[in-house]
Amino acid sequence: MYEGIYGLSCVENHVQAVLRQHGERVEASYYNSAVPLADLYKQMVTEGIRQEHFYLLERVQEIWKRLGILELVKIKHAPAAKMLQAVCSCQKNECLLVRVTPDFTRRKLLARGLREDHFVCVKKGGNKFEVYNDIPERRLWLREEQLEESYDGEYFHLSIRRKMTKADRDYLWQNRRFRPEEFYMQKFMAVGFEDLEQIGYKLRNLTGVYKLLRYRMAEYYGQYVDTEFIRQVMPEIEKFYAMFEYYNLKSVSKTDKYKELFDQLVNLDDKIMSTLKKKMEEKGC
């Protein structure tokens, strides 16, 4: 259900999964995915912004809401009885994204629980409730009392209003903020690592967002040109993430190790962006 979906949060993942179940091509969500690595570095390393507060991109749900394709209404401080009634009242074009407790997230969903506000997609199924988790992807069936016990006080009511049109897709293309066809080599100097606190943690977070954006870029621009070359290097980018995570967990203090690894990532990204620009020029995009 969540394969090929690259959200920056559980809510983004659920929204796209529901849209795809209704026949939408969620690649449209990624129209602004070509964020320059230098911009990511400035925000996530220099400024220290965490993934959940990442503001360079509009959230996926906000894109589809702005187009009028879906509605997503957050209900706060709602008693469990109201949540259960809302689930049972959902029509075919509706579902609930329900916040669950950290304990349920870790024990039942086997998720890492890096954030306290974790949401699952919930639908009524016979005399039980069908619960979908995004990462790791899991599907559970809960009785009413089990869902009530796992509930953590708020939910989103999601409803699909209409289908995406060619005019919507054209609008998104024309309003891209980050455009690979305008890419040019601009070597930025990632200096001052020794003066930054938690450099391993920040670079791990940066690389986590970066890899999601390049997965997104392969999906979105794959509608127009062959982006298999991006998919082929994604395992290498995954290794960069793993190495930064390893350095972070080991509290590696030698900043030259971080610098060397990050310079390699910069060089790889230059090749990715240059190749995509060339392919778009050849296709007249």
C-alpha atoms as a PDB file:
ATOM      1  CA  MET A   1       0.000   0.000   0.000  1.00  0.00           C
ATOM      2  CA  TYR A   2       2.894   2.354   0.781  1.00  0.00           C
ATOM      3  CA  GLU A   3       5.465   1.095  -1.716  1.00  0.00           C
ATOM      4  CA  GLY A   4       6.854   3.922  -3.849  1.00  0.00           C
ATOM      5  CA  ILE A   5       5.470   6.573  -1.502  1.00  0.00           C
ATOM      6  CA  TYR A   6       8.025   8.998  -0.067  1.00  0.00           C
ATOM      7  CA  GLY A   7       6.459  11.197   2.567  1.00  0.00           C
ATOM      8  CA  LEU A   8       8.316  13.286   5.108  1.00  0.00           C
ATOM      9  CA  SER A   9       5.809  12.268   7.786  1.00  0.00           C
ATOM     10  CA  CYS A  10       3.296   9.525   8.513  1.00  0.00           C
ATOM     11  CA  VAL A  11       0.444  11.889   7.574  1.00  0.00           C
ATOM     12  CA  GLU A  12       2.009  12.548   4.162  1.00  0.00           C
ATOM     13  CA  ASN A  13       2.383   8.801   3.611  1.00  0.00           C
ATOM     14  CA  HIS A  14      -1.226   8.050   4.560  1.00  0.00           C
ATOM     15  CA  VAL A  15      -2.645  10.874   2.435  1.00  0.00           C
ATOM     16  CA  GLN A  16      -0.783   9.625  -0.630  1.00  0.00           C
ATOM     17  CA  ALA A  17      -1.725   5.995   0.002  1.00  0.00           C
ATOM     18  CA  VAL A  18      -5.414   6.921   0.190  1.00  0.00           C
ATOM     19  CA  LEU A  19      -5.140   9.064  -2.948  1.00  0.00           C
ATOM     20  CA  ARG A  20      -3.522   6.190  -4.819  1.00  0.00           C
ATOM     21  CA  GLN A  21      -6.298   3.843  -3.674  1.00  0.00           C
ATOM     22  CA  HIS A  22      -8.658   6.289  -5.370  1.00  0.00           C
ATOM     23  CA  GLY A  23      -6.739   6.068  -8.650  1.00  0.00           C
ATOM     24  CA  GLU A  24      -4.485   9.117  -8.335  1.00  0.00           C
ATOM     25  CA  ARG A  25      -0.867   9.231  -9.471  1.00  0.00           C
ATOM     26  CA  VAL A  26       0.869  10.507  -6.367  1.00  0.00           C
ATOM     27  CA  GLU A  27       3.972  11.497  -8.355  1.00  0.00           C
ATOM     28  CA  ALA A  28       2.289  14.879  -8.707  1.00  0.00           C
ATOM     29  CA  SER A  29       2.962  15.414  -5.000  1.00  0.00           C
ATOM     30  CA  TYR A  30       6.681  15.619  -5.781  1.00  0.00           C
ATOM     31  CA  TYR A  31       6.696  18.498  -8.237  1.00  0.00           C
ATOM     32  CA  ASN A  32       9.045  20.550  -6.011  1.00  0.00           C
ATOM     33  CA  SER A  33      11.416  17.721  -5.109  1.00  0.00           C
ATOM     34  CA  ALA A  34      14.568  19.060  -6.816  1.00  0.00           C
ATOM     35  CA  VAL A  35      15.735  20.983  -3.740  1.00  0.00           C
ATOM     36  CA  PRO A  36      19.442  21.924  -4.114  1.00  0.00           C
ATOM     37  CA  LEU A  37      21.736  20.182  -1.667  1.00  0.00           C
ATOM     38  CA  ALA A  38      23.195  23.568  -0.697  1.00  0.00           C
ATOM     39  CA  ASP A  39      19.730  24.725   0.420  1.00  0.00           C
ATOM     40  CA  LEU A  40      19.285  21.578   2.497  1.00  0.00           C
ATOM     41  CA  TYR A  41      22.670  22.112   4.115  1.00  0.00           C
ATOM     42  CA  LYS A  42      21.851  25.692   5.030  1.00  0.00           C
ATOM     43  CA  GLN A  43      18.545  24.780   6.638  1.00  0.00           C
ATOM     44  CA  MET A  44      19.293  21.454   8.285  1.00  0.00           C
ATOM     45  CA  VAL A  45      22.957  21.843   9.266  1.00  0.00           C
ATOM     46  CA  THR A  46      23.679  25.556   9.581  1.00  0.00           C
ATOM     47  CA  GLU A  47      20.234  26.392  11.011  1.00  0.00           C
ATOM     48  CA  GLY A  48      19.714  22.988  12.639  1.00  0.00           C
ATOM     49  CA  ILE A  49      16.102  22.524  11.470  1.00  0.00           C
ATOM     50  CA  ARG A  50      14.755  19.027  12.136  1.00  0.00           C
ATOM     51  CA  GLN A  51      12.855  16.967   9.558  1.00  0.00           C
ATOM     52  CA  GLU A  52       9.455  17.536  11.170  1.00  0.00           C
ATOM     53  CA  HIS A  53       9.969  21.313  10.947  1.00  0.00           C
ATOM     54  CA  PHE A  54      11.363  21.254   7.385  1.00  0.00           C
ATOM     55  CA  TYR A  55       9.898  24.295   5.629  1.00  0.00           C
ATOM     56  CA  LEU A  56      11.481  24.364   2.163  1.00  0.00           C
ATOM     57  CA  LEU A  57       8.630  22.233   0.812  1.00  0.00           C
ATOM     58  CA  GLU A  58       4.894  22.547   1.147  1.00  0.00           C
ATOM     59  CA  ARG A  59       3.438  19.504   2.877  1.00  0.00           C
ATOM     60  CA  VAL A  60       1.877  16.987   0.506  1.00  0.00           C
ATOM     61  CA  GLN A  61      -1.566  17.276   2.076  1.00  0.00           C
ATOM     62  CA  GLU A  62      -1.481  21.059   1.701  1.00  0.00           C
ATOM     63  CA  ILE A  63      -0.799  20.719  -2.045  1.00  0.00           C
ATOM     64  CA  TRP A  64      -3.848  18.526  -2.621  1.00  0.00           C
ATOM     65  CA  LYS A  65      -5.987  20.666  -0.301  1.00  0.00           C
ATOM     66  CA  ARG A  66      -4.977  23.823  -2.157  1.00  0.00           C
ATOM     67  CA  LEU A  67      -6.025  22.216  -5.441  1.00  0.00           C
ATOM     68  CA  GLY A  68      -9.411  21.338  -3.927  1.00  0.00           C
ATOM     69  CA  ILE A  69      -8.915  17.607  -4.471  1.00  0.00           C
ATOM     70  CA  LEU A  70      -9.154  16.651  -0.825  1.00  0.00           C
ATOM     71  CA  GLU A  71     -10.157  17.981   2.569  1.00  0.00           C
ATOM     72  CA  LEU A  72      -8.187  17.193   5.687  1.00  0.00           C
ATOM     73  CA  VAL A  73      -9.607  18.499   8.944  1.00  0.00           C
ATOM     74  CA  LYS A  74      -7.825  18.031  12.268  1.00  0.00           C
ATOM     75  CA  ILE A  75     -10.011  17.317  15.275  1.00  0.00           C
ATOM     76  CA  LYS A  76      -8.206  18.011  18.555  1.00  0.00           C
ATOM     77  CA  HIS A  77      -9.041  16.950  22.107  1.00  0.00           C
ATOM     78  CA  ALA A  78     -11.769  14.620  20.864  1.00  0.00           C
ATOM     79  CA  PRO A  79     -13.031  11.838  23.163  1.00  0.00           C
ATOM     80  CA  ALA A  80     -12.659   8.274  21.983  1.00  0.00           C
ATOM     81  CA  ALA A  81     -16.418   7.914  21.503  1.00  0.00           C
ATOM     82  CA  LYS A  82     -16.406  10.750  18.957  1.00  0.00           C
ATOM     83  CA  MET A  83     -13.469   9.207  17.092  1.00  0.00           C
ATOM     84  CA  LEU A  84     -15.165   5.805  16.941  1.00  0.00           C
ATOM     85  CA  GLN A  85     -18.395   7.352  15.670  1.00  0.00           C
ATOM     86  CA  ALA A  86     -16.459   9.284  13.012  1.00  0.00           C
ATOM     87  CA  VAL A  87     -14.765   6.089  11.763  1.00  0.00           C
ATOM     88  CA  CYS A  88     -18.076   4.261  11.572  1.00  0.00           C
ATOM     89  CA  SER A  89     -19.674   7.170   9.671  1.00  0.00           C
ATOM     90  CA  CYS A  90     -17.027   7.342   6.936  1.00  0.00           C
ATOM     91  CA  GLN A  91     -18.186   6.980   3.333  1.00  0.00           C
ATOM     92  CA  LYS A  92     -16.165   5.318   0.548  1.00  0.00           C
ATOM     93  CA  ASN A  93     -14.292   8.525  -0.170  1.00  0.00           C
ATOM     94  CA  GLU A  94     -13.432   9.125   3.492  1.00  0.00           C
ATOM     95  CA  CYS A  95     -11.220   7.734   6.242  1.00  0.00           C
ATOM     96  CA  LEU A  96      -9.652   8.785   9.529  1.00  0.00           C
ATOM     97  CA  LEU A  97      -5.987   9.299  10.373  1.00  0.00           C
ATOM     98  CA  VAL A  98      -5.920   8.570  14.084  1.00  0.00           C
ATOM     99  CA  ARG A  99      -3.180   9.541  16.499  1.00  0.00           C
ATOM    100  CA  VAL A 100      -2.033   6.578  18.585  1.00  0.00           C
ATOM    101  CA  THR A 101      -0.055   6.422  21.804  1.00  0.00           C
ATOM    102  CA  PRO A 102       3.758   6.111  21.797  1.00  0.00           C
ATOM    103  CA  ASP A 103       3.412   2.777  23.622  1.00  0.00           C
ATOM    104  CA  PHE A 104       1.102   1.381  20.927  1.00  0.00           C
ATOM    105  CA  THR A 105       3.452   2.748  18.242  1.00  0.00           C
ATOM    106  CA  ARG A 106       6.413   0.867  19.659  1.00  0.00           C
ATOM    107  CA  ARG A 107       4.786  -2.358  20.909  1.00  0.00           C
ATOM    108  CA  LYS A 108       2.106  -3.064  18.310  1.00  0.00           C
ATOM    109  CA  LEU A 109       3.297  -1.231  15.216  1.00  0.00           C
ATOM    110  CA  LEU A 110       6.980  -1.995  15.855  1.00  0.00           C
ATOM    111  CA  ALA A 111       7.828   1.542  14.763  1.00  0.00           C
ATOM    112  CA  ARG A 112      10.810   3.422  16.126  1.00  0.00           C
ATOM    113  CA  GLY A 113       8.602   6.124  17.589  1.00  0.00           C
ATOM    114  CA  LEU A 114      10.967   9.023  16.867  1.00  0.00           C
ATOM    115  CA  ARG A 115       8.024  11.402  17.163  1.00  0.00           C
ATOM    116  CA  GLU A 116       5.321  11.422  19.768  1.00  0.00           C
ATOM    117  CA  ASP A 117       2.499  12.286  17.351  1.00  0.00           C
ATOM    118  CA  HIS A 118       2.194   9.153  15.247  1.00  0.00           C
ATOM    119  CA  PHE A 119      -0.916   8.594  13.106  1.00  0.00           C
ATOM    120  CA  VAL A 120      -2.401   5.488  11.512  1.00  0.00           C
ATOM    121  CA  CYS A 121      -5.075   5.169   8.852  1.00  0.00           C
ATOM    122  CA  VAL A 122      -8.270   3.620  10.257  1.00  0.00           C
ATOM    123  CA  LYS A 123     -11.279   2.203   8.431  1.00  0.00           C
ATOM    124  CA  LYS A 124     -14.301   0.216   9.625  1.00  0.00           C
ATOM    125  CA  GLY A 125     -14.318  -3.411   8.527  1.00  0.00           C
ATOM    126  CA  GLY A 126     -17.241  -5.521   9.689  1.00  0.00           C
ATOM    127  CA  ASN A 127     -17.255  -5.652  13.480  1.00  0.00           C
ATOM    128  CA  LYS A 128     -13.594  -4.620  13.718  1.00  0.00           C
ATOM    129  CA  PHE A 129     -11.382  -1.736  12.659  1.00  0.00           C
ATOM    130  CA  GLU A 130      -8.738  -1.975   9.951  1.00  0.00           C
ATOM    131  CA  VAL A 131      -5.555  -0.119  10.925  1.00  0.00           C
ATOM    132  CA  TYR A 132      -2.750   0.712   8.485  1.00  0.00           C
ATOM    133  CA  ASN A 133       0.728   1.798   9.541  1.00  0.00           C
ATOM    134  CA  ASP A 134       3.203   3.299   7.081  1.00  0.00           C
ATOM    135  CA  ILE A 135       6.726   2.524   8.402  1.00  0.00           C
ATOM    136  CA  PRO A 136       7.088  -0.340   8.922  1.00  0.00           C
ATOM    137  CA  GLU A 137       4.145  -1.165   6.728  1.00  0.00           C
ATOM    138  CA  ARG A 138       1.673  -3.100   8.834  1.00  0.00           C
ATOM    139  CA  ARG A 139      -2.038  -3.917   8.739  1.00  0.00           C
ATOM    140  CA  LEU A 140      -3.834  -4.744  11.969  1.00  0.00           C
ATOM    141  CA  TRP A 141      -7.394  -5.589  12.922  1.00  0.00           C
ATOM    142  CA  LEU A 142      -8.502  -4.113  16.248  1.00  0.00           C
ATOM    143  CA  ARG A 143     -11.623  -4.515  18.295  1.00  0.00           C
ATOM    144  CA  GLU A 144     -13.423  -1.364  19.400  1.00  0.00           C
ATOM    145  CA  GLU A 145     -11.935  -1.448  22.889  1.00  0.00           C
ATOM    146  CA  GLN A 146      -8.425  -1.998  21.487  1.00  0.00           C
ATOM    147  CA  LEU A 147      -8.691   1.003  19.184  1.00  0.00           C
ATOM    148  CA  GLU A 148     -10.064   3.063  22.045  1.00  0.00           C
ATOM    149  CA  GLU A 149      -7.123   2.081  24.274  1.00  0.00           C
ATOM    150  CA  SER A 150      -4.566   2.981  21.588  1.00  0.00           C
ATOM    151  CA  TYR A 151      -6.161   6.349  20.776  1.00  0.00           C
ATOM    152  CA  ASP A 152      -4.183   9.451  21.769  1.00  0.00           C
ATOM    153  CA  GLY A 153      -6.746  12.245  21.647  1.00  0.00           C
ATOM    154  CA  GLU A 154      -6.886  13.620  18.097  1.00  0.00           C
ATOM    155  CA  TYR A 155      -7.497  12.624  14.495  1.00  0.00           C
ATOM    156  CA  PHE A 156      -7.702  13.914  10.931  1.00  0.00           C
ATOM    157  CA  HIS A 157     -10.859  13.462   8.871  1.00  0.00           C
ATOM    158  CA  LEU A 158      -9.764  12.865   5.269  1.00  0.00           C
ATOM    159  CA  SER A 159     -12.180  13.096   2.338  1.00  0.00           C
ATOM    160  CA  ILE A 160     -11.531  12.941  -1.410  1.00  0.00           C
ATOM    161  CA  ARG A 161     -13.528  15.585  -3.289  1.00  0.00           C
ATOM    162  CA  ARG A 162     -12.591  15.119  -6.946  1.00  0.00           C
ATOM    163  CA  LYS A 163     -10.034  13.695  -9.380  1.00  0.00           C
ATOM    164  CA  MET A 164      -6.836  15.441 -10.386  1.00  0.00           C
ATOM    165  CA  THR A 165      -7.007  16.921 -13.907  1.00  0.00           C
ATOM    166  CA  LYS A 166      -4.449  17.743 -16.575  1.00  0.00           C
ATOM    167  CA  ALA A 167      -4.938  21.399 -15.660  1.00  0.00           C
ATOM    168  CA  ASP A 168      -3.881  20.570 -12.079  1.00  0.00           C
ATOM    169  CA  ARG A 169      -0.753  18.776 -13.284  1.00  0.00           C
ATOM    170  CA  ASP A 170       0.121  21.622 -15.641  1.00  0.00           C
ATOM    171  CA  TYR A 171      -0.351  24.130 -12.827  1.00  0.00           C
ATOM    172  CA  LEU A 172       2.067  22.238 -10.584  1.00  0.00           C
ATOM    173  CA  TRP A 173       4.667  21.979 -13.366  1.00  0.00           C
ATOM    174  CA  GLN A 174       4.506  25.675 -14.094  1.00  0.00           C
ATOM    175  CA  ASN A 175       4.744  26.599 -10.411  1.00  0.00           C
ATOM    176  CA  ARG A 176       7.798  24.557  -9.482  1.00  0.00           C
ATOM    177  CA  ARG A 177      10.099  26.470  -7.161  1.00  0.00           C
ATOM    178  CA  PHE A 178      13.108  24.189  -7.790  1.00  0.00           C
ATOM    179  CA  ARG A 179      13.858  23.483 -11.459  1.00  0.00           C
ATOM    180  CA  PRO A 180      16.524  20.941 -12.500  1.00  0.00           C
ATOM    181  CA  GLU A 181      16.632  22.456 -16.010  1.00  0.00           C
ATOM    182  CA  GLU A 182      18.122  25.585 -14.417  1.00  0.00           C
ATOM    183  CA  PHE A 183      20.756  23.701 -12.428  1.00  0.00           C
ATOM    184  CA  TYR A 184      24.354  24.877 -12.634  1.00  0.00           C
ATOM    185  CA  MET A 185      27.460  23.702 -10.841  1.00  0.00           C
ATOM    186  CA  GLN A 186      27.998  25.758  -7.729  1.00  0.00           C
ATOM    187  CA  LYS A 187      30.419  24.114  -5.367  1.00  0.00           C
ATOM    188  CA  PHE A 188      29.529  25.262  -1.909  1.00  0.00           C
ATOM    189  CA  MET A 189      31.989  24.982   0.927  1.00  0.00           C
ATOM    190  CA  ALA A 190      30.649  23.016   3.863  1.00  0.00           C
ATOM    191  CA  VAL A 191      33.068  24.597   6.301  1.00  0.00           C
ATOM    192  CA  GLY A 192      33.084  25.059  10.039  1.00  0.00           C
ATOM    193  CA  PHE A 193      32.048  21.519  10.999  1.00  0.00           C
ATOM    194  CA  GLU A 194      34.171  21.802  14.121  1.00  0.00           C
ATOM    195  CA  ASP A 195      32.082  24.791  15.270  1.00  0.00           C
ATOM    196  CA  LEU A 196      28.725  23.060  14.857  1.00  0.00           C
ATOM    197  CA  GLU A 197      27.086  21.118  17.656  1.00  0.00           C
ATOM    198  CA  GLN A 198      25.715  17.626  16.943  1.00  0.00           C
ATOM    199  CA  ILE A 199      27.219  17.567  13.448  1.00  0.00           C
ATOM    200  CA  GLY A 200      26.654  13.805  13.094  1.00  0.00           C
ATOM    201  CA  TYR A 201      23.003  14.130  14.085  1.00  0.00           C
ATOM    202  CA  LYS A 202      22.450  17.040  11.684  1.00  0.00           C
ATOM    203  CA  LEU A 203      24.134  15.366   8.716  1.00  0.00           C
ATOM    204  CA  ARG A 204      22.179  12.172   9.395  1.00  0.00           C
ATOM    205  CA  ASN A 205      18.950  14.182   9.320  1.00  0.00           C
ATOM    206  CA  LEU A 206      20.001  16.045   6.177  1.00  0.00           C
ATOM    207  CA  THR A 207      20.837  12.829   4.343  1.00  0.00           C
ATOM    208  CA  GLY A 208      17.544  11.280   5.440  1.00  0.00           C
ATOM    209  CA  VAL A 209      15.581  14.139   3.878  1.00  0.00           C
ATOM    210  CA  TYR A 210      17.900  14.296   0.853  1.00  0.00           C
ATOM    211  CA  LYS A 211      17.392  10.636  -0.064  1.00  0.00           C
ATOM    212  CA  LEU A 212      13.601  11.004   0.150  1.00  0.00           C
ATOM    213  CA  LEU A 213      13.755  14.035  -2.129  1.00  0.00           C
ATOM    214  CA  ARG A 214      15.836  12.180  -4.717  1.00  0.00           C
ATOM    215  CA  TYR A 215      13.432   9.247  -4.636  1.00  0.00           C
ATOM    216  CA  ARG A 216      10.661  11.800  -5.188  1.00  0.00           C
ATOM    217  CA  MET A 217      12.586  13.447  -8.000  1.00  0.00           C
ATOM    218  CA  ALA A 218      12.975  10.117  -9.797  1.00  0.00           C
ATOM    219  CA  GLU A 219       9.211   9.555  -9.556  1.00  0.00           C
ATOM    220  CA  TYR A 220       8.106  13.020 -10.634  1.00  0.00           C
ATOM    221  CA  TYR A 221      10.535  13.625 -13.502  1.00  0.00           C
ATOM    222  CA  GLY A 222      10.175   9.996 -14.539  1.00  0.00           C
ATOM    223  CA  GLN A 223       6.847  11.106 -16.034  1.00  0.00           C
ATOM    224  CA  TYR A 224       8.793  13.195 -18.565  1.00  0.00           C
ATOM    225  CA  VAL A 225      12.271  11.655 -19.003  1.00  0.00           C
ATOM    226  CA  ASP A 226      14.065   8.413 -18.181  1.00  0.00           C
ATOM    227  CA  THR A 227      15.157   8.686 -14.521  1.00  0.00           C
ATOM    228  CA  GLU A 228      16.410   5.143 -14.097  1.00  0.00           C
ATOM    229  CA  PHE A 229      19.900   6.580 -13.577  1.00  0.00           C
ATOM    230  CA  ILE A 230      18.675   8.143 -10.306  1.00  0.00           C
ATOM    231  CA  ARG A 231      17.183   4.891  -9.080  1.00  0.00           C
ATOM    232  CA  GLN A 232      20.454   3.107  -9.848  1.00  0.00           C
ATOM    233  CA  VAL A 233      22.447   5.377  -7.510  1.00  0.00           C
ATOM    234  CA  MET A 234      19.907   5.379  -4.674  1.00  0.00           C
ATOM    235  CA  PRO A 235      21.614   2.391  -2.953  1.00  0.00           C
ATOM    236  CA  GLU A 236      24.778   4.505  -2.809  1.00  0.00           C
ATOM    237  CA  ILE A 237      22.838   7.379  -1.241  1.00  0.00           C
ATOM    238  CA  GLU A 238      21.342   4.935   1.268  1.00  0.00           C
ATOM    239  CA  LYS A 239      24.924   3.999   2.221  1.00  0.00           C
ATOM    240  CA  PHE A 240      25.739   7.656   2.878  1.00  0.00           C
ATOM    241  CA  TYR A 241      22.785   7.791   5.255  1.00  0.00           C
ATOM    242  CA  ALA A 242      23.926   4.608   6.993  1.00  0.00           C
ATOM    243  CA  MET A 243      27.463   5.956   7.402  1.00  0.00           C
ATOM    244  CA  PHE A 244      26.302   9.270   8.876  1.00  0.00           C
ATOM    245  CA  GLU A 245      24.044   7.324  11.220  1.00  0.00           C
ATOM    246  CA  TYR A 246      27.005   5.134  12.226  1.00  0.00           C
ATOM    247  CA  TYR A 247      29.215   8.181  12.877  1.00  0.00           C
ATOM    248  CA  ASN A 248      26.408   9.756  14.872  1.00  0.00           C
ATOM    249  CA  LEU A 249      25.787   6.686  17.040  1.00  0.00           C
ATOM    250  CA  LYS A 250      29.517   6.219  17.615  1.00  0.00           C
ATOM    251  CA  SER A 251      29.921   9.919  18.470  1.00  0.00           C
ATOM    252  CA  VAL A 252      32.801  10.239  16.025  1.00  0.00           C
ATOM    253  CA  SER A 253      34.648  13.438  16.907  1.00  0.00           C
ATOM    254  CA  LYS A 254      36.951  13.834  13.895  1.00  0.00           C
ATOM    255  CA  THR A 255      35.167  16.361  11.721  1.00  0.00           C
ATOM    256  CA  ASP A 256      37.378  15.549   8.712  1.00  0.00           C
ATOM    257  CA  LYS A 257      35.544  12.202   8.439  1.00  0.00           C
ATOM    258  CA  TYR A 258      32.198  14.013   8.156  1.00  0.00           C
ATOM    259  CA  LYS A 259      33.670  16.499   5.684  1.00  0.00           C
ATOM    260  CA  GLU A 260      35.128  13.780   3.460  1.00  0.00           C
ATOM    261  CA  LEU A 261      31.870  11.831   3.371  1.00  0.00           C
ATOM    262  CA  PHE A 262      29.750  14.899   2.744  1.00  0.00           C
ATOM    263  CA  ASP A 263      32.028  16.066  -0.107  1.00  0.00           C
ATOM    264  CA  GLN A 264      31.447  12.693  -1.770  1.00  0.00           C
ATOM    265  CA  LEU A 265      27.697  13.221  -1.466  1.00  0.00           C
ATOM    266  CA  VAL A 266      28.008  16.696  -3.014  1.00  0.00           C
ATOM    267  CA  ASN A 267      29.937  15.279  -5.982  1.00  0.00           C
ATOM    268  CA  LEU A 268      27.354  12.542  -6.517  1.00  0.00           C
ATOM    269  CA  ASP A 269      24.508  15.041  -6.396  1.00  0.00           C
ATOM    270  CA  ASP A 270      26.241  17.248  -8.975  1.00  0.00           C
ATOM    271  CA  LYS A 271      26.310  14.269 -11.353  1.00  0.00           C
ATOM    272  CA  ILE A 272      22.633  13.478 -10.703  1.00  0.00           C
ATOM    273  CA  MET A 273      21.453  17.035 -11.301  1.00  0.00           C
ATOM    274  CA  SER A 274      23.674  17.567 -14.356  1.00  0.00           C
ATOM    275  CA  THR A 275      22.407  14.353 -15.949  1.00  0.00           C
ATOM    276  CA  LEU A 276      18.770  15.206 -15.258  1.00  0.00           C
ATOM    277  CA  LYS A 277      19.244  18.696 -16.716  1.00  0.00           C
ATOM    278  CA  LYS A 278      20.771  17.220 -19.885  1.00  0.00           C
ATOM    279  CA  LYS A 279      17.958  14.700 -20.300  1.00  0.00           C
ATOM    280  CA  MET A 280      15.341  17.426 -19.871  1.00  0.00           C
ATOM    281  CA  GLU A 281      17.084  19.618 -22.460  1.00  0.00           C
ATOM    282  CA  GLU A 282      17.152  16.706 -24.910  1.00  0.00           C
ATOM    283  CA  LYS A 283      13.407  16.154 -24.392  1.00  0.00           C
ATOM    284  CA  GLY A 284      12.649  19.859 -24.644  1.00  0.00           C
ATOM    285  CA  CYS A 285      11.191  20.006 -21.117  1.00  0.00           C
END
